[in-house]
C-alpha atoms as a PDB file:
ATOM      1  CA  UNK A   1      -4.681  80.145  52.753  1.00  0.00           C
ATOM      2  CA  UNK A   2      -1.417  81.940  52.021  1.00  0.00           C
ATOM      3  CA  UNK A   3      -1.237  84.793  49.523  1.00  0.00           C
ATOM      4  CA  UNK A   4       0.789  82.796  46.964  1.00  0.00           C
ATOM      5  CA  UNK A   5      -1.762  79.961  47.093  1.00  0.00           C
ATOM      6  CA  UNK A   6      -4.677  82.387  46.884  1.00  0.00           C
ATOM      7  CA  UNK A   7      -3.261  84.082  43.758  1.00  0.00           C
ATOM      8  CA  UNK A   8      -1.913  80.964  42.052  1.00  0.00           C
ATOM      9  CA  UNK A   9      -5.254  80.316  40.341  1.00  0.00           C
ATOM     10  CA  UNK A  10      -4.946  83.641  38.516  1.00  0.00           C
ATOM     11  CA  UNK A  11      -1.962  82.230  36.607  1.00  0.00           C
ATOM     12  CA  UNK A  12      -3.924  79.227  35.330  1.00  0.00           C
ATOM     13  CA  UNK A  13      -5.443  79.363  31.830  1.00  0.00           C
ATOM     14  CA  UNK A  14      -9.224  79.427  31.728  1.00  0.00           C
ATOM     15  CA  UNK A  15     -10.631  75.949  31.348  1.00  0.00           C
ATOM     16  CA  UNK A  16     -11.621  72.828  33.283  1.00  0.00           C
ATOM     17  CA  UNK A  17      -9.452  69.991  34.609  1.00  0.00           C
ATOM     18  CA  UNK A  18     -11.308  66.768  35.494  1.00  0.00           C
ATOM     19  CA  UNK A  19      -9.683  64.634  38.220  1.00  0.00           C
ATOM     20  CA  UNK A  20     -10.389  60.967  39.022  1.00  0.00           C
ATOM     21  CA  UNK A  21      -8.677  58.499  41.389  1.00  0.00           C
ATOM     22  CA  UNK A  22      -8.893  54.811  40.510  1.00  0.00           C
ATOM     23  CA  UNK A  23      -8.062  51.227  41.402  1.00  0.00           C
ATOM     24  CA  UNK A  24      -9.222  48.287  39.249  1.00  0.00           C
ATOM     25  CA  UNK A  25     -12.028  50.263  37.610  1.00  0.00           C
ATOM     26  CA  UNK A  26     -11.771  48.896  34.053  1.00  0.00           C
ATOM     27  CA  UNK A  27     -15.455  47.956  34.129  1.00  0.00           C
ATOM     28  CA  UNK A  28     -16.638  51.504  34.849  1.00  0.00           C
ATOM     29  CA  UNK A  29     -13.896  53.959  33.917  1.00  0.00           C
ATOM     30  CA  UNK A  30     -14.943  54.230  30.261  1.00  0.00           C
ATOM     31  CA  UNK A  31     -18.359  55.771  30.776  1.00  0.00           C
ATOM     32  CA  UNK A  32     -17.023  58.002  33.548  1.00  0.00           C
ATOM     33  CA  UNK A  33     -14.286  59.469  31.344  1.00  0.00           C
ATOM     34  CA  UNK A  34     -16.635  59.709  28.366  1.00  0.00           C
ATOM     35  CA  UNK A  35     -18.932  61.912  30.444  1.00  0.00           C
ATOM     36  CA  UNK A  36     -15.951  64.203  31.163  1.00  0.00           C
ATOM     37  CA  UNK A  37     -15.266  64.910  27.484  1.00  0.00           C
ATOM     38  CA  UNK A  38     -16.367  68.531  28.029  1.00  0.00           C
ATOM     39  CA  UNK A  39     -13.263  69.138  30.197  1.00  0.00           C
ATOM     40  CA  UNK A  40     -10.059  70.580  28.753  1.00  0.00           C
ATOM     41  CA  UNK A  41      -8.011  67.794  30.340  1.00  0.00           C
ATOM     42  CA  UNK A  42      -8.590  64.613  32.337  1.00  0.00           C
ATOM     43  CA  UNK A  43      -6.194  63.585  35.109  1.00  0.00           C
ATOM     44  CA  UNK A  44      -6.249  60.061  36.560  1.00  0.00           C
ATOM     45  CA  UNK A  45      -4.308  59.054  39.672  1.00  0.00           C
ATOM     46  CA  UNK A  46      -4.250  55.262  39.871  1.00  0.00           C
ATOM     47  CA  UNK A  47      -3.240  53.224  42.916  1.00  0.00           C
ATOM     48  CA  UNK A  48      -1.732  50.237  41.102  1.00  0.00           C
ATOM     49  CA  UNK A  49      -4.589  48.662  39.149  1.00  0.00           C
ATOM     50  CA  UNK A  50      -4.095  45.075  38.027  1.00  0.00           C
ATOM     51  CA  UNK A  51      -6.724  45.346  35.290  1.00  0.00           C
ATOM     52  CA  UNK A  52      -6.901  47.578  32.194  1.00  0.00           C
ATOM     53  CA  UNK A  53      -7.813  50.789  34.051  1.00  0.00           C
ATOM     54  CA  UNK A  54      -4.590  52.649  33.220  1.00  0.00           C
ATOM     55  CA  UNK A  55      -4.506  51.677  29.536  1.00  0.00           C
ATOM     56  CA  UNK A  56      -8.182  52.565  29.125  1.00  0.00           C
ATOM     57  CA  UNK A  57      -7.641  55.939  30.777  1.00  0.00           C
ATOM     58  CA  UNK A  58      -4.707  56.688  28.478  1.00  0.00           C
ATOM     59  CA  UNK A  59      -6.801  55.622  25.483  1.00  0.00           C
ATOM     60  CA  UNK A  60      -9.284  58.341  26.463  1.00  0.00           C
ATOM     61  CA  UNK A  61      -6.446  60.862  26.419  1.00  0.00           C
ATOM     62  CA  UNK A  62      -6.131  61.169  30.192  1.00  0.00           C
ATOM     63  CA  UNK A  63      -2.874  62.176  31.845  1.00  0.00           C
ATOM     64  CA  UNK A  64      -2.172  59.276  34.217  1.00  0.00           C
ATOM     65  CA  UNK A  65      -0.064  59.039  37.366  1.00  0.00           C
ATOM     66  CA  UNK A  66       0.397  55.810  39.346  1.00  0.00           C
ATOM     67  CA  UNK A  67       0.834  56.393  43.075  1.00  0.00           C
ATOM     68  CA  UNK A  68       0.571  54.189  46.172  1.00  0.00           C
ATOM     69  CA  UNK A  69      -2.641  54.867  48.053  1.00  0.00           C
ATOM     70  CA  UNK A  70      -2.071  56.565  51.409  1.00  0.00           C
ATOM     71  CA  UNK A  71      -5.574  57.834  52.123  1.00  0.00           C
ATOM     72  CA  UNK A  72      -8.247  59.724  50.225  1.00  0.00           C
ATOM     73  CA  UNK A  73      -7.076  63.182  51.271  1.00  0.00           C
ATOM     74  CA  UNK A  74      -3.499  62.726  50.063  1.00  0.00           C
ATOM     75  CA  UNK A  75      -4.515  60.875  46.911  1.00  0.00           C
ATOM     76  CA  UNK A  76      -7.048  63.474  45.818  1.00  0.00           C
ATOM     77  CA  UNK A  77      -4.814  66.415  46.708  1.00  0.00           C
ATOM     78  CA  UNK A  78      -2.040  64.836  44.630  1.00  0.00           C
ATOM     79  CA  UNK A  79      -4.450  64.439  41.734  1.00  0.00           C
ATOM     80  CA  UNK A  80      -5.671  68.049  41.798  1.00  0.00           C
ATOM     81  CA  UNK A  81      -2.081  69.298  42.154  1.00  0.00           C
ATOM     82  CA  UNK A  82      -1.512  68.132  38.564  1.00  0.00           C
ATOM     83  CA  UNK A  83      -4.378  70.248  37.179  1.00  0.00           C
ATOM     84  CA  UNK A  84      -3.326  72.899  34.652  1.00  0.00           C
ATOM     85  CA  UNK A  85      -6.558  74.861  34.288  1.00  0.00           C
ATOM     86  CA  UNK A  86      -8.442  77.429  36.364  1.00  0.00           C
ATOM     87  CA  UNK A  87     -11.330  75.155  37.367  1.00  0.00           C
ATOM     88  CA  UNK A  88     -11.220  71.594  38.704  1.00  0.00           C
ATOM     89  CA  UNK A  89     -14.016  69.034  38.852  1.00  0.00           C
ATOM     90  CA  UNK A  90     -13.430  65.877  40.915  1.00  0.00           C
ATOM     91  CA  UNK A  91     -15.482  62.749  40.256  1.00  0.00           C
ATOM     92  CA  UNK A  92     -15.234  59.090  41.246  1.00  0.00           C
ATOM     93  CA  UNK A  93     -15.038  56.238  38.757  1.00  0.00           C
ATOM     94  CA  UNK A  94     -18.614  55.157  39.544  1.00  0.00           C
ATOM     95  CA  UNK A  95     -20.011  58.614  38.783  1.00  0.00           C
ATOM     96  CA  UNK A  96     -21.151  60.244  35.543  1.00  0.00           C
ATOM     97  CA  UNK A  97     -21.550  63.907  34.626  1.00  0.00           C
ATOM     98  CA  UNK A  98     -24.743  63.970  32.508  1.00  0.00           C
ATOM     99  CA  UNK A  99     -24.967  66.429  29.568  1.00  0.00           C
ATOM    100  CA  UNK A 100     -27.258  68.831  31.460  1.00  0.00           C
ATOM    101  CA  UNK A 101     -24.767  69.182  34.311  1.00  0.00           C
ATOM    102  CA  UNK A 102     -21.847  69.480  31.882  1.00  0.00           C
ATOM    103  CA  UNK A 103     -23.586  72.415  30.152  1.00  0.00           C
ATOM    104  CA  UNK A 104     -24.360  74.091  33.482  1.00  0.00           C
ATOM    105  CA  UNK A 105     -20.723  73.742  34.555  1.00  0.00           C
ATOM    106  CA  UNK A 106     -19.445  75.169  31.270  1.00  0.00           C
ATOM    107  CA  UNK A 107     -21.840  78.113  31.457  1.00  0.00           C
ATOM    108  CA  UNK A 108     -20.901  78.845  35.071  1.00  0.00           C
ATOM    109  CA  UNK A 109     -17.141  78.889  34.502  1.00  0.00           C
ATOM    110  CA  UNK A 110     -17.489  80.742  31.181  1.00  0.00           C
ATOM    111  CA  UNK A 111     -18.900  83.718  33.065  1.00  0.00           C
ATOM    112  CA  UNK A 112     -15.296  84.534  33.942  1.00  0.00           C
ATOM    113  CA  UNK A 113     -15.001  86.479  37.165  1.00  0.00           C
ATOM    114  CA  UNK A 114     -17.611  84.522  39.114  1.00  0.00           C
ATOM    115  CA  UNK A 115     -17.864  85.450  42.761  1.00  0.00           C
ATOM    116  CA  UNK A 116     -17.844  81.770  43.731  1.00  0.00           C
ATOM    117  CA  UNK A 117     -14.678  79.890  44.586  1.00  0.00           C
ATOM    118  CA  UNK A 118     -16.475  76.527  44.452  1.00  0.00           C
ATOM    119  CA  UNK A 119     -19.793  74.860  43.649  1.00  0.00           C
ATOM    120  CA  UNK A 120     -21.641  72.075  45.437  1.00  0.00           C
ATOM    121  CA  UNK A 121     -23.293  69.504  43.202  1.00  0.00           C
ATOM    122  CA  UNK A 122     -26.408  67.494  44.060  1.00  0.00           C
ATOM    123  CA  UNK A 123     -25.888  63.777  43.512  1.00  0.00           C
ATOM    124  CA  UNK A 124     -28.509  61.159  42.666  1.00  0.00           C
ATOM    125  CA  UNK A 125     -27.704  57.489  43.242  1.00  0.00           C
ATOM    126  CA  UNK A 126     -28.874  54.522  41.181  1.00  0.00           C
ATOM    127  CA  UNK A 127     -29.538  51.470  43.345  1.00  0.00           C
ATOM    128  CA  UNK A 128     -31.303  48.152  42.697  1.00  0.00           C
ATOM    129  CA  UNK A 129     -32.527  49.305  39.304  1.00  0.00           C
ATOM    130  CA  UNK A 130     -33.960  52.695  40.241  1.00  0.00           C
ATOM    131  CA  UNK A 131     -33.007  56.267  41.077  1.00  0.00           C
ATOM    132  CA  UNK A 132     -33.176  56.953  44.812  1.00  0.00           C
ATOM    133  CA  UNK A 133     -34.911  60.249  45.600  1.00  0.00           C
ATOM    134  CA  UNK A 134     -35.460  59.854  49.346  1.00  0.00           C
ATOM    135  CA  UNK A 135     -33.953  57.667  52.128  1.00  0.00           C
ATOM    136  CA  UNK A 136     -31.485  60.456  52.976  1.00  0.00           C
ATOM    137  CA  UNK A 137     -29.604  59.746  49.726  1.00  0.00           C
ATOM    138  CA  UNK A 138     -30.763  62.808  47.781  1.00  0.00           C
ATOM    139  CA  UNK A 139     -29.774  65.544  47.099  1.00  0.00           C
ATOM    140  CA  UNK A 140     -26.516  64.478  48.848  1.00  0.00           C
ATOM    141  CA  UNK A 141     -24.676  67.733  48.083  1.00  0.00           C
ATOM    142  CA  UNK A 142     -20.897  67.549  47.603  1.00  0.00           C
ATOM    143  CA  UNK A 143     -18.415  70.283  46.687  1.00  0.00           C
ATOM    144  CA  UNK A 144     -16.843  68.882  43.520  1.00  0.00           C
ATOM    145  CA  UNK A 145     -16.165  71.946  41.341  1.00  0.00           C
ATOM    146  CA  UNK A 146     -13.729  74.608  42.518  1.00  0.00           C
ATOM    147  CA  UNK A 147     -11.117  77.084  41.365  1.00  0.00           C
ATOM    148  CA  UNK A 148      -7.576  75.774  41.153  1.00  0.00           C
ATOM    149  CA  UNK A 149      -5.609  76.921  44.196  1.00  0.00           C
ATOM    150  CA  UNK A 150      -8.697  78.053  46.133  1.00  0.00           C
ATOM    151  CA  UNK A 151      -9.710  74.708  47.683  1.00  0.00           C
ATOM    152  CA  UNK A 152      -8.164  71.488  48.954  1.00  0.00           C
ATOM    153  CA  UNK A 153      -9.264  68.183  50.421  1.00  0.00           C
ATOM    154  CA  UNK A 154      -9.122  67.722  54.171  1.00  0.00           C
ATOM    155  CA  UNK A 155     -10.370  65.005  56.534  1.00  0.00           C
ATOM    156  CA  UNK A 156      -9.337  61.748  58.137  1.00  0.00           C
ATOM    157  CA  UNK A 157      -8.865  58.113  57.206  1.00  0.00           C
ATOM    158  CA  UNK A 158     -12.433  57.555  56.048  1.00  0.00           C
ATOM    159  CA  UNK A 159     -14.041  60.952  55.483  1.00  0.00           C
ATOM    160  CA  UNK A 160     -12.602  63.529  53.103  1.00  0.00           C
ATOM    161  CA  UNK A 161     -14.177  66.797  52.019  1.00  0.00           C
ATOM    162  CA  UNK A 162     -13.335  69.912  50.032  1.00  0.00           C
ATOM    163  CA  UNK A 163     -12.549  73.066  52.008  1.00  0.00           C
ATOM    164  CA  UNK A 164     -12.871  76.143  49.762  1.00  0.00           C
ATOM    165  CA  UNK A 165     -11.294  79.511  50.508  1.00  0.00           C
ATOM    166  CA  UNK A 166     -14.377  81.578  49.723  1.00  0.00           C
ATOM    167  CA  UNK A 167     -18.085  81.564  48.794  1.00  0.00           C
ATOM    168  CA  UNK A 168     -19.764  78.419  47.464  1.00  0.00           C
ATOM    169  CA  UNK A 169     -22.527  78.266  44.852  1.00  0.00           C
ATOM    170  CA  UNK A 170     -24.954  75.422  44.110  1.00  0.00           C
ATOM    171  CA  UNK A 171     -25.564  73.661  40.800  1.00  0.00           C
ATOM    172  CA  UNK A 172     -29.111  72.751  39.815  1.00  0.00           C
ATOM    173  CA  UNK A 173     -28.386  69.620  37.782  1.00  0.00           C
ATOM    174  CA  UNK A 174     -27.180  66.485  39.528  1.00  0.00           C
ATOM    175  CA  UNK A 175     -24.224  64.142  39.276  1.00  0.00           C
ATOM    176  CA  UNK A 176     -25.183  60.518  38.606  1.00  0.00           C
ATOM    177  CA  UNK A 177     -23.818  57.958  41.077  1.00  0.00           C
ATOM    178  CA  UNK A 178     -23.879  54.209  40.347  1.00  0.00           C
ATOM    179  CA  UNK A 179     -23.039  53.328  43.908  1.00  0.00           C
ATOM    180  CA  UNK A 180     -23.111  49.508  44.169  1.00  0.00           C
ATOM    181  CA  UNK A 181     -22.896  46.701  41.674  1.00  0.00           C
ATOM    182  CA  UNK A 182     -25.272  44.568  43.782  1.00  0.00           C
ATOM    183  CA  UNK A 183     -26.215  43.809  47.390  1.00  0.00           C
ATOM    184  CA  UNK A 184     -23.074  41.687  47.868  1.00  0.00           C
ATOM    185  CA  UNK A 185     -20.978  44.722  46.934  1.00  0.00           C
ATOM    186  CA  UNK A 186     -22.997  46.838  49.383  1.00  0.00           C
ATOM    187  CA  UNK A 187     -22.449  44.327  52.200  1.00  0.00           C
ATOM    188  CA  UNK A 188     -18.713  44.089  51.485  1.00  0.00           C
ATOM    189  CA  UNK A 189     -18.349  47.860  51.771  1.00  0.00           C
ATOM    190  CA  UNK A 190     -20.365  47.920  54.980  1.00  0.00           C
ATOM    191  CA  UNK A 191     -17.983  45.374  56.509  1.00  0.00           C
ATOM    192  CA  UNK A 192     -14.874  47.309  55.446  1.00  0.00           C
ATOM    193  CA  UNK A 193     -16.039  50.772  56.444  1.00  0.00           C
ATOM    194  CA  UNK A 194     -17.629  49.683  59.716  1.00  0.00           C
ATOM    195  CA  UNK A 195     -14.206  48.299  60.669  1.00  0.00           C
ATOM    196  CA  UNK A 196     -12.443  51.549  59.752  1.00  0.00           C
ATOM    197  CA  UNK A 197     -14.942  53.721  61.609  1.00  0.00           C
ATOM    198  CA  UNK A 198     -14.992  51.476  64.694  1.00  0.00           C
ATOM    199  CA  UNK A 199     -11.195  51.670  64.833  1.00  0.00           C
ATOM    200  CA  UNK A 200     -11.288  55.445  64.411  1.00  0.00           C
ATOM    201  CA  UNK A 201     -13.768  55.768  67.291  1.00  0.00           C
ATOM    202  CA  UNK A 202     -11.687  53.408  69.442  1.00  0.00           C
ATOM    203  CA  UNK A 203      -8.550  55.481  68.875  1.00  0.00           C
ATOM    204  CA  UNK A 204     -10.506  58.542  70.007  1.00  0.00           C
ATOM    205  CA  UNK A 205     -11.414  56.817  73.276  1.00  0.00           C
ATOM    206  CA  UNK A 206     -15.067  56.121  72.448  1.00  0.00           C
ATOM    207  CA  UNK A 207     -16.913  53.235  74.098  1.00  0.00           C
ATOM    208  CA  UNK A 208     -19.922  51.126  73.159  1.00  0.00           C
ATOM    209  CA  UNK A 209     -22.125  48.264  74.358  1.00  0.00           C
ATOM    210  CA  UNK A 210     -24.398  45.675  72.778  1.00  0.00           C
ATOM    211  CA  UNK A 211     -27.491  47.633  73.863  1.00  0.00           C
ATOM    212  CA  UNK A 212     -26.068  50.871  72.452  1.00  0.00           C
ATOM    213  CA  UNK A 213     -25.259  49.130  69.145  1.00  0.00           C
ATOM    214  CA  UNK A 214     -28.840  47.806  68.942  1.00  0.00           C
ATOM    215  CA  UNK A 215     -30.288  51.257  69.672  1.00  0.00           C
ATOM    216  CA  UNK A 216     -28.068  52.903  67.055  1.00  0.00           C
ATOM    217  CA  UNK A 217     -29.153  50.334  64.484  1.00  0.00           C
ATOM    218  CA  UNK A 218     -32.851  50.680  65.303  1.00  0.00           C
ATOM    219  CA  UNK A 219     -32.588  54.460  65.315  1.00  0.00           C
ATOM    220  CA  UNK A 220     -30.980  54.457  61.880  1.00  0.00           C
ATOM    221  CA  UNK A 221     -33.791  52.336  60.447  1.00  0.00           C
ATOM    222  CA  UNK A 222     -36.472  54.641  61.841  1.00  0.00           C
ATOM    223  CA  UNK A 223     -34.735  57.774  60.566  1.00  0.00           C
ATOM    224  CA  UNK A 224     -34.188  56.337  57.072  1.00  0.00           C
ATOM    225  CA  UNK A 225     -37.581  54.660  56.621  1.00  0.00           C
ATOM    226  CA  UNK A 226     -39.848  57.210  58.268  1.00  0.00           C
ATOM    227  CA  UNK A 227     -38.151  60.605  58.681  1.00  0.00           C
ATOM    228  CA  UNK A 228     -36.111  60.460  55.433  1.00  0.00           C
ATOM    229  CA  UNK A 229     -39.025  58.990  53.457  1.00  0.00           C
ATOM    230  CA  UNK A 230     -37.402  55.679  52.583  1.00  0.00           C
ATOM    231  CA  UNK A 231     -40.843  54.120  52.105  1.00  0.00           C
ATOM    232  CA  UNK A 232     -41.249  56.383  49.054  1.00  0.00           C
ATOM    233  CA  UNK A 233     -38.331  54.578  47.399  1.00  0.00           C
ATOM    234  CA  UNK A 234     -40.232  51.278  47.514  1.00  0.00           C
ATOM    235  CA  UNK A 235     -38.391  47.971  47.877  1.00  0.00           C
ATOM    236  CA  UNK A 236     -35.038  49.655  47.294  1.00  0.00           C
ATOM    237  CA  UNK A 237     -35.836  52.054  50.130  1.00  0.00           C
ATOM    238  CA  UNK A 238     -36.538  49.124  52.446  1.00  0.00           C
ATOM    239  CA  UNK A 239     -33.190  47.519  51.583  1.00  0.00           C
ATOM    240  CA  UNK A 240     -31.427  50.853  52.179  1.00  0.00           C
ATOM    241  CA  UNK A 241     -33.104  51.234  55.576  1.00  0.00           C
ATOM    242  CA  UNK A 242     -32.311  47.666  56.663  1.00  0.00           C
ATOM    243  CA  UNK A 243     -28.683  47.757  55.508  1.00  0.00           C
ATOM    244  CA  UNK A 244     -28.205  51.234  56.961  1.00  0.00           C
ATOM    245  CA  UNK A 245     -29.455  49.876  60.277  1.00  0.00           C
ATOM    246  CA  UNK A 246     -27.089  46.903  59.991  1.00  0.00           C
ATOM    247  CA  UNK A 247     -24.177  49.214  59.181  1.00  0.00           C
ATOM    248  CA  UNK A 248     -24.824  51.362  62.254  1.00  0.00           C
ATOM    249  CA  UNK A 249     -25.160  48.266  64.453  1.00  0.00           C
ATOM    250  CA  UNK A 250     -21.938  46.823  63.046  1.00  0.00           C
ATOM    251  CA  UNK A 251     -19.914  49.990  63.706  1.00  0.00           C
ATOM    252  CA  UNK A 252     -20.832  50.019  67.376  1.00  0.00           C
ATOM    253  CA  UNK A 253     -20.660  46.276  67.989  1.00  0.00           C
ATOM    254  CA  UNK A 254     -17.153  46.244  66.487  1.00  0.00           C
ATOM    255  CA  UNK A 255     -16.265  49.161  68.760  1.00  0.00           C
ATOM    256  CA  UNK A 256     -17.604  47.092  71.681  1.00  0.00           C
ATOM    257  CA  UNK A 257     -15.327  44.216  70.590  1.00  0.00           C
ATOM    258  CA  UNK A 258     -12.336  46.567  70.558  1.00  0.00           C
ATOM    259  CA  UNK A 259     -13.257  47.943  73.998  1.00  0.00           C
ATOM    260  CA  UNK A 260     -13.276  44.411  75.427  1.00  0.00           C
ATOM    261  CA  UNK A 261     -10.120  43.234  73.661  1.00  0.00           C
ATOM    262  CA  UNK A 262     -12.093  40.734  71.560  1.00  0.00           C
ATOM    263  CA  UNK A 263     -10.937  42.239  68.276  1.00  0.00           C
ATOM    264  CA  UNK A 264      -7.523  43.287  66.962  1.00  0.00           C
ATOM    265  CA  UNK A 265      -6.881  46.556  65.172  1.00  0.00           C
ATOM    266  CA  UNK A 266      -6.296  46.156  61.442  1.00  0.00           C
ATOM    267  CA  UNK A 267      -3.701  48.521  59.943  1.00  0.00           C
ATOM    268  CA  UNK A 268      -5.099  50.899  57.340  1.00  0.00           C
ATOM    269  CA  UNK A 269      -2.750  49.664  54.619  1.00  0.00           C
ATOM    270  CA  UNK A 270      -4.215  46.152  54.983  1.00  0.00           C
ATOM    271  CA  UNK A 271      -7.636  47.605  54.203  1.00  0.00           C
ATOM    272  CA  UNK A 272      -6.546  50.054  51.516  1.00  0.00           C
ATOM    273  CA  UNK A 273      -7.313  47.822  48.537  1.00  0.00           C
ATOM    274  CA  UNK A 274     -10.750  46.982  49.936  1.00  0.00           C
ATOM    275  CA  UNK A 275     -11.317  50.703  50.461  1.00  0.00           C
ATOM    276  CA  UNK A 276     -10.181  51.736  47.006  1.00  0.00           C
ATOM    277  CA  UNK A 277     -12.041  48.948  45.235  1.00  0.00           C
ATOM    278  CA  UNK A 278     -15.169  50.620  46.626  1.00  0.00           C
ATOM    279  CA  UNK A 279     -13.684  54.082  46.429  1.00  0.00           C
ATOM    280  CA  UNK A 280     -16.780  56.174  45.952  1.00  0.00           C
ATOM    281  CA  UNK A 281     -18.618  57.765  48.799  1.00  0.00           C
ATOM    282  CA  UNK A 282     -21.591  55.844  50.046  1.00  0.00           C
ATOM    283  CA  UNK A 283     -24.465  58.309  49.864  1.00  0.00           C
ATOM    284  CA  UNK A 284     -26.379  59.577  52.871  1.00  0.00           C
ATOM    285  CA  UNK A 285     -25.603  61.776  55.831  1.00  0.00           C
ATOM    286  CA  UNK A 286     -22.883  59.377  57.038  1.00  0.00           C
ATOM    287  CA  UNK A 287     -20.332  58.915  54.309  1.00  0.00           C
ATOM    288  CA  UNK A 288     -18.781  55.518  53.679  1.00  0.00           C
ATOM    289  CA  UNK A 289     -21.493  54.433  54.322  1.00  0.00           C
END
């Protein structure tokens, strides 16, 4: 990182900027923004919502920008570029910062000259009526809190991640993630993201077969159910293992279709609304899903 970028954070007033990107999140944006009331400002970058997302965000006092979606990396970097304070926390519209985590964040940044440039937050997901503590979904660490000017988002079409310019600490309290509305929502995201990832692999010259797709699906089930302790999450853990297996199978069978010319590439902008409608990361070691 260049010297001007590395010193820019020193010019920012002490405080916390909360950043959220949205599209058609009127149903969930209220409780998300309410949980960010500890921040000194809230910044929302919306991608053209057709519901009440923007008006609700403004009603909460958020500073709102409307910008065409051109990928997670660009959208989130635009959002954090509008932050006015020394620290930035980035959350998705289906996530909540509980009071315990809010207090821990405030205490950490109030210490002033902390040696950390960023903090990773554990994240616990709520699925099918219960909190998921196994299945590879927890603790699902993500860097979400960082000093302004000392970190940026990087990544590709599907996966984005924060790259900090210095040491990273770890929070003890977790972010709450309300990942799917129901199983239909889960299946819709699997279809969208398996298409995106299959296309990404195809563009990189990867190949697949029906047998390989079956093995990848079976392997995912075994890892989730047995090695990751999915059985300890009960019925929800079984659904996670089965749908995770299906997702892995679908990625590689769609890649096989592309290899054989049985499937056409879909441009990213034709999938962007599907992607943003389910904008939050799908928890586990393979993001989205």
